[in-house]
């Protein structure tokens, strides 16, 4: 996705440069290479867009038959917002090997904390930094139902520029679905002789 975006940006830049150069050349009564550069940029942009569309179609076909429940990280640890990061990392994230923890108060979701967000804080400050200072608060969390298809969830992530959704059913958080968890799930299914076949049977 990043490589595609960079490619599109370069192609658009070529189109813009060629258009401007062609414009000034035409104003001077010269038919130069500017328009040719602009056309080349347009061709590159169109090719990248078509390639991206084909990739999305392929991925959606690969994911058909699977729901969010299939690939979500279930059983995410739950922590209180008042805990410090050193405790959360040493006693919860590292032992459980979960990359995400749900922040709750009286069984109500307050936010989401990831190992990635903790990593943005210098380790020497973990003992004085609380979960609530780093977590993604409830107001900024995006949720998804466990029976939504994986393809639909990934399309939403891309459209909304999100890396993860909290999986919620009947107002209760069940876990987290993230791009990396989907990739791990597919890797696991690809390694199973009957995994991908069973979903499409």
N, C-alpha and C. Protein backbone atom coordinates (compact mmCIF):
# COMPACT_ATOMS: atom_id res chain seq x y z
N UNK A 1 0.83 -1.21 0.00
CA UNK A 1 0.00 0.00 0.00
C UNK A 1 0.87 1.27 0.00
N UNK A 2 1.92 1.27 0.83
CA UNK A 2 2.79 2.44 0.89
C UNK A 2 3.51 2.64 -0.43
N UNK A 3 4.03 1.52 -0.98
CA UNK A 3 4.75 1.61 -2.26
C UNK A 3 3.83 2.12 -3.36
N UNK A 4 2.58 1.64 -3.36
CA UNK A 4 1.62 2.09 -4.36
C UNK A 4 1.35 3.58 -4.21
N UNK A 5 1.18 4.02 -2.96
CA UNK A 5 0.92 5.44 -2.72
C UNK A 5 2.07 6.32 -3.18
N UNK A 6 3.31 5.87 -2.89
CA UNK A 6 4.49 6.63 -3.33
C UNK A 6 4.54 6.68 -4.85
N UNK A 7 4.26 5.54 -5.48
CA UNK A 7 4.27 5.50 -6.95
C UNK A 7 3.26 6.45 -7.55
N UNK A 8 2.06 6.48 -6.96
CA UNK A 8 1.02 7.38 -7.46
C UNK A 8 1.44 8.84 -7.28
N UNK A 9 2.06 9.14 -6.13
CA UNK A 9 2.52 10.51 -5.88
C UNK A 9 3.57 10.93 -6.90
N UNK A 10 4.50 10.02 -7.20
CA UNK A 10 5.53 10.33 -8.19
C UNK A 10 4.89 10.56 -9.57
N UNK A 11 3.95 9.69 -9.93
CA UNK A 11 3.28 9.81 -11.22
C UNK A 11 2.53 11.14 -11.32
N UNK A 12 1.84 11.52 -10.24
CA UNK A 12 1.12 12.80 -10.24
C UNK A 12 2.09 13.98 -10.34
N UNK A 13 3.24 13.84 -9.68
CA UNK A 13 4.25 14.90 -9.76
C UNK A 13 4.76 15.05 -11.19
N UNK A 14 4.98 13.92 -11.86
CA UNK A 14 5.42 13.95 -13.26
C UNK A 14 4.37 14.62 -14.13
N UNK A 15 3.10 14.27 -13.89
CA UNK A 15 2.00 14.87 -14.65
C UNK A 15 1.97 16.39 -14.44
N UNK A 16 2.12 16.82 -13.19
CA UNK A 16 2.07 18.24 -12.87
C UNK A 16 3.24 18.98 -13.53
N UNK A 17 4.44 18.39 -13.39
CA UNK A 17 5.63 19.03 -13.97
C UNK A 17 5.49 19.14 -15.49
N UNK A 18 5.05 18.04 -16.13
CA UNK A 18 4.90 18.05 -17.58
C UNK A 18 3.85 19.05 -18.04
N UNK A 19 2.74 19.12 -17.29
CA UNK A 19 1.67 20.05 -17.65
C UNK A 19 2.14 21.50 -17.58
N UNK A 20 2.85 21.83 -16.48
CA UNK A 20 3.33 23.20 -16.32
C UNK A 20 4.37 23.54 -17.40
N UNK A 21 5.28 22.60 -17.66
CA UNK A 21 6.31 22.84 -18.67
C UNK A 21 5.66 22.99 -20.06
N UNK A 22 4.68 22.11 -20.34
CA UNK A 22 4.00 22.20 -21.62
C UNK A 22 3.23 23.49 -21.77
N UNK A 23 2.61 23.94 -20.66
CA UNK A 23 1.86 25.20 -20.69
C UNK A 23 2.74 26.38 -21.07
N UNK A 24 3.90 26.49 -20.41
CA UNK A 24 4.80 27.62 -20.69
C UNK A 24 5.44 27.50 -22.07
N UNK A 25 5.65 26.28 -22.51
CA UNK A 25 6.19 26.10 -23.86
C UNK A 25 5.17 26.54 -24.91
N UNK A 26 3.90 26.19 -24.70
CA UNK A 26 2.86 26.59 -25.64
C UNK A 26 2.67 28.10 -25.65
N UNK A 27 2.79 28.73 -24.49
CA UNK A 27 2.67 30.19 -24.42
C UNK A 27 3.78 30.87 -25.20
N UNK A 28 4.93 30.17 -25.27
CA UNK A 28 6.06 30.72 -26.02
C UNK A 28 6.03 30.31 -27.49
N UNK A 29 4.97 29.59 -27.88
CA UNK A 29 4.85 29.15 -29.26
C UNK A 29 5.70 27.96 -29.59
N UNK A 30 6.09 27.19 -28.57
CA UNK A 30 6.94 26.02 -28.77
C UNK A 30 6.16 24.75 -28.40
N UNK A 31 6.21 23.79 -29.27
CA UNK A 31 5.64 22.48 -28.94
C UNK A 31 6.78 21.60 -28.48
N UNK A 32 6.99 21.55 -27.17
CA UNK A 32 8.14 20.83 -26.62
C UNK A 32 7.75 19.52 -25.98
N UNK A 33 8.66 19.07 -25.10
CA UNK A 33 8.48 17.75 -24.49
C UNK A 33 7.57 17.77 -23.27
N UNK A 34 7.10 18.96 -22.86
CA UNK A 34 6.28 19.07 -21.65
C UNK A 34 5.04 18.21 -21.69
N UNK A 35 4.29 18.29 -22.80
CA UNK A 35 3.07 17.51 -22.91
C UNK A 35 3.37 16.01 -22.93
N UNK A 36 4.48 15.65 -23.54
CA UNK A 36 4.87 14.23 -23.56
C UNK A 36 5.16 13.72 -22.16
N UNK A 37 5.82 14.56 -21.34
CA UNK A 37 6.10 14.19 -19.95
C UNK A 37 4.80 14.01 -19.18
N UNK A 38 3.85 14.94 -19.39
CA UNK A 38 2.56 14.86 -18.71
C UNK A 38 1.82 13.58 -19.08
N UNK A 39 1.85 13.23 -20.37
CA UNK A 39 1.17 12.01 -20.83
C UNK A 39 1.83 10.77 -20.22
N UNK A 40 3.16 10.79 -20.13
CA UNK A 40 3.88 9.66 -19.53
C UNK A 40 3.49 9.50 -18.06
N UNK A 41 3.37 10.62 -17.36
CA UNK A 41 2.94 10.57 -15.96
C UNK A 41 1.55 10.00 -15.82
N UNK A 42 0.65 10.40 -16.74
CA UNK A 42 -0.73 9.89 -16.71
C UNK A 42 -0.75 8.38 -16.94
N UNK A 43 0.06 7.91 -17.88
CA UNK A 43 0.12 6.47 -18.18
C UNK A 43 0.62 5.69 -16.95
N UNK A 44 1.66 6.21 -16.30
CA UNK A 44 2.20 5.55 -15.11
C UNK A 44 1.15 5.49 -14.01
N UNK A 45 0.47 6.62 -13.78
CA UNK A 45 -0.55 6.68 -12.73
C UNK A 45 -1.68 5.69 -13.00
N UNK A 46 -2.10 5.62 -14.26
CA UNK A 46 -3.18 4.70 -14.63
C UNK A 46 -2.75 3.24 -14.42
N UNK A 47 -1.51 2.93 -14.78
CA UNK A 47 -1.01 1.56 -14.62
C UNK A 47 -0.95 1.16 -13.15
N UNK A 48 -0.48 2.08 -12.30
CA UNK A 48 -0.40 1.79 -10.87
C UNK A 48 -1.79 1.59 -10.29
N UNK A 49 -2.75 2.43 -10.69
CA UNK A 49 -4.12 2.32 -10.19
C UNK A 49 -4.74 0.99 -10.58
N UNK A 50 -4.54 0.58 -11.83
CA UNK A 50 -5.09 -0.71 -12.29
C UNK A 50 -4.45 -1.87 -11.53
N UNK A 51 -3.14 -1.77 -11.28
CA UNK A 51 -2.44 -2.81 -10.54
C UNK A 51 -2.99 -2.92 -9.12
N UNK A 52 -3.23 -1.76 -8.48
CA UNK A 52 -3.77 -1.74 -7.12
C UNK A 52 -5.16 -2.36 -7.09
N UNK A 53 -6.00 -2.05 -8.08
CA UNK A 53 -7.35 -2.60 -8.12
C UNK A 53 -7.30 -4.12 -8.26
N UNK A 54 -6.39 -4.63 -9.10
CA UNK A 54 -6.27 -6.07 -9.28
C UNK A 54 -5.81 -6.75 -7.99
N UNK A 55 -4.90 -6.07 -7.25
CA UNK A 55 -4.42 -6.63 -5.98
C UNK A 55 -5.54 -6.72 -4.97
N UNK A 56 -6.35 -5.65 -4.89
CA UNK A 56 -7.48 -5.64 -3.95
C UNK A 56 -8.46 -6.75 -4.27
N UNK A 57 -8.77 -6.91 -5.57
CA UNK A 57 -9.69 -7.98 -5.97
C UNK A 57 -9.14 -9.35 -5.60
N UNK A 58 -7.83 -9.54 -5.80
CA UNK A 58 -7.20 -10.81 -5.45
C UNK A 58 -7.28 -11.06 -3.94
N UNK A 59 -6.96 -10.02 -3.15
CA UNK A 59 -6.99 -10.17 -1.70
C UNK A 59 -8.40 -10.46 -1.20
N UNK A 60 -9.38 -9.79 -1.77
CA UNK A 60 -10.76 -9.99 -1.34
C UNK A 60 -11.21 -11.42 -1.67
N UNK A 61 -10.76 -11.94 -2.80
CA UNK A 61 -11.12 -13.32 -3.16
C UNK A 61 -10.45 -14.29 -2.19
N UNK A 62 -9.21 -14.02 -1.82
CA UNK A 62 -8.48 -14.88 -0.90
C UNK A 62 -9.15 -14.90 0.48
N UNK A 63 -9.72 -13.76 0.88
CA UNK A 63 -10.30 -13.64 2.21
C UNK A 63 -11.76 -14.08 2.28
N UNK A 64 -12.37 -14.35 1.13
CA UNK A 64 -13.79 -14.71 1.14
C UNK A 64 -14.00 -15.99 1.93
N UNK A 65 -15.07 -16.00 2.72
CA UNK A 65 -15.36 -17.15 3.55
C UNK A 65 -14.89 -17.00 4.98
N UNK A 66 -14.09 -15.95 5.25
CA UNK A 66 -13.59 -15.71 6.60
C UNK A 66 -14.26 -14.48 7.19
N UNK A 67 -14.48 -14.51 8.49
CA UNK A 67 -15.02 -13.37 9.20
C UNK A 67 -13.97 -12.79 10.14
N UNK A 68 -14.28 -11.64 10.70
CA UNK A 68 -13.38 -11.00 11.66
C UNK A 68 -13.08 -11.94 12.83
N UNK A 69 -14.08 -12.70 13.25
CA UNK A 69 -13.89 -13.62 14.36
C UNK A 69 -12.77 -14.63 14.09
N UNK A 70 -12.60 -14.98 12.80
CA UNK A 70 -11.60 -15.97 12.43
C UNK A 70 -10.18 -15.51 12.72
N UNK A 71 -9.93 -14.21 12.54
CA UNK A 71 -8.55 -13.70 12.61
C UNK A 71 -8.29 -12.73 13.75
N UNK A 72 -9.32 -12.43 14.53
CA UNK A 72 -9.11 -11.44 15.59
C UNK A 72 -8.23 -11.98 16.70
N UNK A 73 -7.59 -11.07 17.42
CA UNK A 73 -6.82 -11.43 18.61
C UNK A 73 -7.79 -11.47 19.78
N UNK A 74 -8.25 -12.67 20.11
CA UNK A 74 -9.21 -12.83 21.19
C UNK A 74 -8.48 -12.92 22.53
N UNK A 75 -9.23 -12.68 23.59
CA UNK A 75 -8.64 -12.82 24.92
C UNK A 75 -7.59 -11.79 25.24
N UNK A 76 -7.71 -10.60 24.66
CA UNK A 76 -6.73 -9.55 24.96
C UNK A 76 -6.77 -9.22 26.45
N UNK A 77 -5.61 -9.08 27.09
CA UNK A 77 -5.59 -8.71 28.51
C UNK A 77 -6.30 -7.38 28.74
N UNK A 78 -6.81 -7.22 29.94
CA UNK A 78 -7.49 -5.98 30.32
C UNK A 78 -6.75 -5.32 31.46
N UNK A 79 -6.59 -4.02 31.35
CA UNK A 79 -5.83 -3.29 32.37
C UNK A 79 -6.60 -2.05 32.79
N UNK A 80 -6.20 -1.53 33.95
CA UNK A 80 -6.78 -0.28 34.44
C UNK A 80 -5.97 0.89 33.90
N UNK A 81 -6.63 1.99 33.71
CA UNK A 81 -5.98 3.16 33.11
C UNK A 81 -4.94 3.79 34.03
N UNK A 82 -4.99 3.46 35.33
CA UNK A 82 -4.07 4.08 36.28
C UNK A 82 -2.72 3.37 36.36
N UNK A 83 -2.60 2.20 35.74
CA UNK A 83 -1.34 1.46 35.81
C UNK A 83 -0.25 2.19 35.02
N UNK A 84 0.99 1.97 35.43
CA UNK A 84 2.12 2.57 34.71
C UNK A 84 2.59 1.61 33.62
N UNK A 85 3.27 2.16 32.62
CA UNK A 85 3.66 1.37 31.45
C UNK A 85 4.65 0.27 31.78
N UNK A 86 5.55 0.50 32.74
CA UNK A 86 6.53 -0.53 33.08
C UNK A 86 5.84 -1.79 33.60
N UNK A 87 4.79 -1.61 34.38
CA UNK A 87 4.05 -2.75 34.93
C UNK A 87 3.28 -3.47 33.81
N UNK A 88 2.63 -2.70 32.95
CA UNK A 88 1.86 -3.29 31.86
C UNK A 88 2.77 -4.09 30.94
N UNK A 89 3.93 -3.54 30.61
CA UNK A 89 4.83 -4.22 29.69
C UNK A 89 5.43 -5.48 30.33
N UNK A 90 5.93 -5.36 31.56
CA UNK A 90 6.64 -6.47 32.21
C UNK A 90 5.70 -7.58 32.67
N UNK A 91 4.52 -7.22 33.16
CA UNK A 91 3.65 -8.22 33.78
C UNK A 91 2.49 -8.67 32.89
N UNK A 92 2.23 -7.92 31.81
CA UNK A 92 1.05 -8.27 31.01
C UNK A 92 1.41 -8.52 29.55
N UNK A 93 1.98 -7.54 28.87
CA UNK A 93 2.21 -7.67 27.43
C UNK A 93 3.28 -8.72 27.12
N UNK A 94 4.43 -8.64 27.76
CA UNK A 94 5.51 -9.60 27.46
C UNK A 94 5.14 -11.04 27.83
N UNK A 95 4.60 -11.30 29.03
CA UNK A 95 4.23 -12.69 29.36
C UNK A 95 3.12 -13.25 28.48
N UNK A 96 2.15 -12.41 28.12
CA UNK A 96 0.99 -12.89 27.35
C UNK A 96 1.27 -12.93 25.86
N UNK A 97 2.31 -12.18 25.42
CA UNK A 97 2.66 -12.07 24.01
C UNK A 97 1.52 -11.45 23.18
N UNK A 98 0.67 -10.67 23.83
CA UNK A 98 -0.38 -9.93 23.14
C UNK A 98 0.14 -8.54 22.81
N UNK A 99 -0.10 -8.09 21.59
CA UNK A 99 0.34 -6.76 21.21
C UNK A 99 -0.62 -5.66 21.61
N UNK A 100 -1.83 -6.06 22.04
CA UNK A 100 -2.84 -5.08 22.42
C UNK A 100 -3.44 -5.44 23.76
N UNK A 101 -3.79 -4.41 24.54
CA UNK A 101 -4.52 -4.62 25.78
C UNK A 101 -5.71 -3.67 25.80
N UNK A 102 -6.82 -4.15 26.34
CA UNK A 102 -8.02 -3.33 26.46
C UNK A 102 -7.97 -2.59 27.79
N UNK A 103 -8.25 -1.31 27.75
CA UNK A 103 -8.27 -0.50 28.97
C UNK A 103 -9.72 -0.40 29.43
N UNK A 104 -10.00 -0.86 30.65
CA UNK A 104 -11.38 -0.93 31.12
C UNK A 104 -11.52 -0.35 32.52
N UNK A 105 -12.75 0.06 32.81
CA UNK A 105 -13.15 0.47 34.16
C UNK A 105 -14.51 -0.15 34.43
N UNK A 106 -14.58 -1.02 35.45
CA UNK A 106 -15.83 -1.72 35.77
C UNK A 106 -16.42 -2.41 34.54
N UNK A 107 -15.56 -3.11 33.81
CA UNK A 107 -15.95 -3.89 32.62
C UNK A 107 -16.38 -3.02 31.44
N UNK A 108 -16.24 -1.71 31.56
CA UNK A 108 -16.58 -0.81 30.46
C UNK A 108 -15.30 -0.37 29.75
N UNK A 109 -15.33 -0.42 28.43
CA UNK A 109 -14.14 -0.08 27.64
C UNK A 109 -13.82 1.41 27.73
N UNK A 110 -12.58 1.70 28.08
CA UNK A 110 -12.10 3.09 28.14
C UNK A 110 -11.20 3.44 26.97
N UNK A 111 -10.48 2.43 26.45
CA UNK A 111 -9.54 2.71 25.38
C UNK A 111 -8.76 1.47 25.00
N UNK A 112 -7.76 1.67 24.17
CA UNK A 112 -6.92 0.57 23.68
C UNK A 112 -5.47 0.99 23.77
N UNK A 113 -4.64 0.08 24.25
CA UNK A 113 -3.21 0.34 24.34
C UNK A 113 -2.46 -0.75 23.60
N UNK A 114 -1.50 -0.34 22.78
CA UNK A 114 -0.71 -1.30 22.03
C UNK A 114 0.76 -1.19 22.43
N UNK A 115 1.49 -2.28 22.17
CA UNK A 115 2.92 -2.26 22.43
C UNK A 115 3.60 -1.19 21.58
N UNK A 116 3.04 -0.95 20.39
CA UNK A 116 3.60 0.07 19.51
C UNK A 116 3.50 1.46 20.11
N UNK A 117 2.37 1.76 20.77
CA UNK A 117 2.21 3.08 21.40
C UNK A 117 3.14 3.21 22.60
N UNK A 118 3.31 2.14 23.34
CA UNK A 118 4.24 2.18 24.47
C UNK A 118 5.66 2.45 23.98
N UNK A 119 6.01 1.86 22.84
CA UNK A 119 7.36 2.01 22.30
C UNK A 119 7.69 3.45 21.92
N UNK A 120 6.67 4.29 21.75
CA UNK A 120 6.92 5.69 21.42
C UNK A 120 7.37 6.50 22.64
N UNK A 121 7.24 5.91 23.81
CA UNK A 121 7.65 6.58 25.05
C UNK A 121 9.02 6.06 25.47
N UNK A 122 9.97 6.93 25.76
CA UNK A 122 11.29 6.47 26.21
C UNK A 122 11.15 5.54 27.41
N UNK A 123 11.89 4.43 27.40
CA UNK A 123 11.74 3.42 28.45
C UNK A 123 12.00 3.98 29.84
N UNK A 124 12.87 4.96 29.95
CA UNK A 124 13.16 5.53 31.27
C UNK A 124 11.97 6.27 31.86
N UNK A 125 10.94 6.54 31.02
CA UNK A 125 9.75 7.23 31.50
C UNK A 125 8.57 6.28 31.74
N UNK A 126 8.76 5.01 31.47
CA UNK A 126 7.65 4.06 31.63
C UNK A 126 7.12 4.02 33.07
N UNK A 127 8.01 4.14 34.03
CA UNK A 127 7.60 4.02 35.44
C UNK A 127 6.80 5.22 35.92
N UNK A 128 6.81 6.31 35.15
CA UNK A 128 6.06 7.51 35.57
C UNK A 128 4.98 7.88 34.56
N UNK A 129 4.78 7.02 33.56
CA UNK A 129 3.76 7.28 32.55
C UNK A 129 2.63 6.28 32.71
N UNK A 130 1.42 6.79 32.82
CA UNK A 130 0.26 5.92 33.04
C UNK A 130 -0.37 5.48 31.71
N UNK A 131 -1.11 4.42 31.79
CA UNK A 131 -1.81 3.89 30.62
C UNK A 131 -2.69 4.97 29.98
N UNK A 132 -3.41 5.72 30.81
CA UNK A 132 -4.34 6.72 30.30
C UNK A 132 -3.63 7.84 29.53
N UNK A 133 -2.32 8.00 29.76
CA UNK A 133 -1.57 9.05 29.07
C UNK A 133 -1.20 8.65 27.64
N UNK A 134 -1.23 7.35 27.36
CA UNK A 134 -0.75 6.85 26.07
C UNK A 134 -1.83 6.14 25.26
N UNK A 135 -2.84 5.63 25.93
CA UNK A 135 -3.86 4.82 25.25
C UNK A 135 -4.62 5.61 24.19
N UNK A 136 -5.18 4.87 23.25
CA UNK A 136 -6.10 5.45 22.29
C UNK A 136 -7.46 5.49 22.97
N UNK A 137 -8.00 6.68 23.25
CA UNK A 137 -9.23 6.76 24.04
C UNK A 137 -10.46 6.24 23.29
N UNK A 138 -11.48 5.94 24.05
CA UNK A 138 -12.71 5.37 23.49
C UNK A 138 -13.27 6.24 22.38
N UNK A 139 -13.16 7.56 22.52
CA UNK A 139 -13.73 8.48 21.54
C UNK A 139 -13.08 8.35 20.17
N UNK A 140 -11.86 7.79 20.13
CA UNK A 140 -11.14 7.66 18.86
C UNK A 140 -11.08 6.22 18.36
N UNK A 141 -11.68 5.30 19.09
CA UNK A 141 -11.65 3.90 18.70
C UNK A 141 -12.68 3.60 17.63
N UNK A 142 -12.31 2.73 16.69
CA UNK A 142 -13.24 2.24 15.69
C UNK A 142 -13.54 0.77 16.03
N UNK A 143 -14.80 0.41 15.89
CA UNK A 143 -15.20 -0.95 16.25
C UNK A 143 -15.76 -1.69 15.04
N UNK A 144 -15.81 -3.02 15.17
CA UNK A 144 -16.35 -3.85 14.11
C UNK A 144 -17.00 -5.08 14.75
N UNK A 145 -18.04 -5.60 14.12
CA UNK A 145 -18.73 -6.79 14.63
C UNK A 145 -17.95 -8.04 14.24
N UNK A 146 -17.94 -9.07 15.08
CA UNK A 146 -17.14 -10.26 14.78
C UNK A 146 -17.59 -11.04 13.54
N UNK A 147 -18.84 -10.86 13.12
CA UNK A 147 -19.32 -11.62 11.96
C UNK A 147 -19.17 -10.86 10.64
N UNK A 148 -18.58 -9.68 10.67
CA UNK A 148 -18.28 -8.96 9.44
C UNK A 148 -17.17 -9.71 8.71
N UNK A 149 -17.22 -9.75 7.38
CA UNK A 149 -16.19 -10.48 6.63
C UNK A 149 -14.84 -9.78 6.77
N UNK A 150 -13.78 -10.58 6.69
CA UNK A 150 -12.43 -10.02 6.77
C UNK A 150 -12.18 -9.02 5.65
N UNK A 151 -12.66 -9.34 4.46
CA UNK A 151 -12.46 -8.44 3.33
C UNK A 151 -13.07 -7.08 3.61
N UNK A 152 -14.29 -7.07 4.15
CA UNK A 152 -14.97 -5.82 4.45
C UNK A 152 -14.21 -5.03 5.51
N UNK A 153 -13.72 -5.73 6.53
CA UNK A 153 -12.97 -5.06 7.60
C UNK A 153 -11.69 -4.43 7.06
N UNK A 154 -10.98 -5.13 6.18
CA UNK A 154 -9.73 -4.60 5.63
C UNK A 154 -9.99 -3.41 4.71
N UNK A 155 -11.07 -3.48 3.94
CA UNK A 155 -11.42 -2.34 3.08
C UNK A 155 -11.72 -1.12 3.94
N UNK A 156 -12.43 -1.33 5.06
CA UNK A 156 -12.72 -0.23 5.99
C UNK A 156 -11.44 0.35 6.58
N UNK A 157 -10.53 -0.54 6.97
CA UNK A 157 -9.26 -0.06 7.54
C UNK A 157 -8.53 0.84 6.55
N UNK A 158 -8.48 0.40 5.30
CA UNK A 158 -7.79 1.18 4.28
C UNK A 158 -8.50 2.51 4.04
N UNK A 159 -9.84 2.47 3.96
CA UNK A 159 -10.61 3.68 3.66
C UNK A 159 -10.53 4.69 4.80
N UNK A 160 -10.49 4.19 6.04
CA UNK A 160 -10.48 5.07 7.20
C UNK A 160 -9.06 5.28 7.76
N UNK A 161 -8.07 4.71 7.06
CA UNK A 161 -6.66 4.87 7.45
C UNK A 161 -6.43 4.43 8.89
N UNK A 162 -6.97 3.25 9.22
CA UNK A 162 -6.82 2.69 10.56
C UNK A 162 -5.97 1.43 10.49
N UNK A 163 -5.28 1.14 11.59
CA UNK A 163 -4.46 -0.07 11.65
C UNK A 163 -5.18 -1.21 12.38
N UNK A 164 -6.18 -0.87 13.19
CA UNK A 164 -6.88 -1.89 13.95
C UNK A 164 -8.28 -1.42 14.31
N UNK A 165 -9.15 -2.42 14.58
CA UNK A 165 -10.49 -2.17 15.11
C UNK A 165 -10.66 -3.01 16.37
N UNK A 166 -11.42 -2.49 17.32
CA UNK A 166 -11.83 -3.30 18.46
C UNK A 166 -13.06 -4.10 18.05
N UNK A 167 -13.03 -5.39 18.30
CA UNK A 167 -14.15 -6.26 17.94
C UNK A 167 -15.17 -6.23 19.07
N UNK A 168 -16.38 -5.81 18.75
CA UNK A 168 -17.41 -5.62 19.78
C UNK A 168 -18.68 -6.35 19.37
N UNK A 169 -19.27 -7.05 20.33
CA UNK A 169 -20.56 -7.72 20.12
C UNK A 169 -21.44 -7.44 21.32
N UNK A 170 -22.61 -6.88 21.06
CA UNK A 170 -23.55 -6.54 22.14
C UNK A 170 -22.89 -5.65 23.19
N UNK A 171 -22.16 -4.65 22.71
CA UNK A 171 -21.49 -3.65 23.55
C UNK A 171 -20.34 -4.23 24.38
N UNK A 172 -19.97 -5.48 24.14
CA UNK A 172 -18.88 -6.08 24.88
C UNK A 172 -17.66 -6.27 23.98
N UNK A 173 -16.48 -5.76 24.39
CA UNK A 173 -15.26 -5.96 23.58
C UNK A 173 -14.80 -7.40 23.65
N UNK A 174 -14.58 -8.00 22.49
CA UNK A 174 -14.15 -9.40 22.41
C UNK A 174 -12.67 -9.55 22.10
N UNK A 175 -12.10 -8.52 21.47
CA UNK A 175 -10.69 -8.60 21.07
C UNK A 175 -10.36 -7.50 20.10
N UNK A 176 -9.30 -7.72 19.33
CA UNK A 176 -8.81 -6.72 18.38
C UNK A 176 -8.53 -7.40 17.04
N UNK A 177 -8.92 -6.74 15.97
CA UNK A 177 -8.54 -7.19 14.63
C UNK A 177 -7.60 -6.14 14.05
N UNK A 178 -6.41 -6.55 13.67
CA UNK A 178 -5.41 -5.63 13.13
C UNK A 178 -4.85 -6.19 11.84
N UNK A 179 -4.22 -5.34 11.06
CA UNK A 179 -3.67 -5.80 9.78
C UNK A 179 -2.66 -6.93 9.99
N UNK A 180 -1.82 -6.80 11.02
CA UNK A 180 -0.81 -7.83 11.23
C UNK A 180 -1.43 -9.15 11.67
N UNK A 181 -2.56 -9.07 12.41
CA UNK A 181 -3.20 -10.32 12.83
C UNK A 181 -3.84 -11.03 11.65
N UNK A 182 -4.34 -10.26 10.67
CA UNK A 182 -4.89 -10.87 9.46
C UNK A 182 -3.79 -11.57 8.68
N UNK A 183 -2.63 -10.93 8.58
CA UNK A 183 -1.51 -11.54 7.86
C UNK A 183 -1.04 -12.83 8.54
N UNK A 184 -0.97 -12.81 9.87
CA UNK A 184 -0.57 -14.02 10.59
C UNK A 184 -1.59 -15.13 10.38
N UNK A 185 -2.87 -14.76 10.38
CA UNK A 185 -3.92 -15.74 10.18
C UNK A 185 -3.80 -16.39 8.81
N UNK A 186 -3.59 -15.57 7.79
CA UNK A 186 -3.47 -16.10 6.43
C UNK A 186 -2.21 -16.95 6.28
N UNK A 187 -1.13 -16.54 6.93
CA UNK A 187 0.09 -17.34 6.89
C UNK A 187 -0.15 -18.72 7.51
N UNK A 188 -0.90 -18.72 8.62
CA UNK A 188 -1.22 -19.98 9.28
C UNK A 188 -2.10 -20.87 8.43
N UNK A 189 -3.07 -20.25 7.75
CA UNK A 189 -3.97 -21.03 6.90
C UNK A 189 -3.22 -21.57 5.68
N UNK A 190 -2.32 -20.76 5.15
CA UNK A 190 -1.55 -21.21 3.98
C UNK A 190 -0.65 -22.39 4.33
N UNK A 191 -0.21 -22.43 5.60
CA UNK A 191 0.64 -23.52 6.03
C UNK A 191 -0.13 -24.78 6.35
N UNK A 192 -1.48 -24.67 6.40
CA UNK A 192 -2.31 -25.83 6.68
C UNK A 192 -2.82 -26.42 5.38
N UNK A 193 -2.65 -27.71 5.12
CA UNK A 193 -3.05 -28.30 3.86
C UNK A 193 -4.53 -28.12 3.53
N UNK A 194 -5.38 -28.05 4.58
CA UNK A 194 -6.82 -27.95 4.34
C UNK A 194 -7.40 -26.62 4.75
N UNK A 195 -6.55 -25.71 5.26
CA UNK A 195 -7.05 -24.46 5.82
C UNK A 195 -7.80 -23.61 4.84
N UNK A 196 -7.13 -23.20 3.74
CA UNK A 196 -7.76 -22.32 2.78
C UNK A 196 -8.85 -23.05 1.98
N UNK A 197 -8.68 -24.36 1.78
CA UNK A 197 -9.67 -25.10 1.02
C UNK A 197 -10.98 -25.19 1.78
N UNK A 198 -10.89 -25.39 3.11
CA UNK A 198 -12.10 -25.55 3.92
C UNK A 198 -12.97 -24.31 3.88
N UNK A 199 -12.36 -23.13 3.87
CA UNK A 199 -13.13 -21.90 3.88
C UNK A 199 -13.90 -21.70 2.61
N UNK A 200 -13.41 -22.26 1.50
CA UNK A 200 -14.05 -22.04 0.21
C UNK A 200 -14.89 -23.24 -0.22
N UNK A 201 -15.01 -24.23 0.66
CA UNK A 201 -15.79 -25.43 0.30
C UNK A 201 -17.27 -25.14 0.30
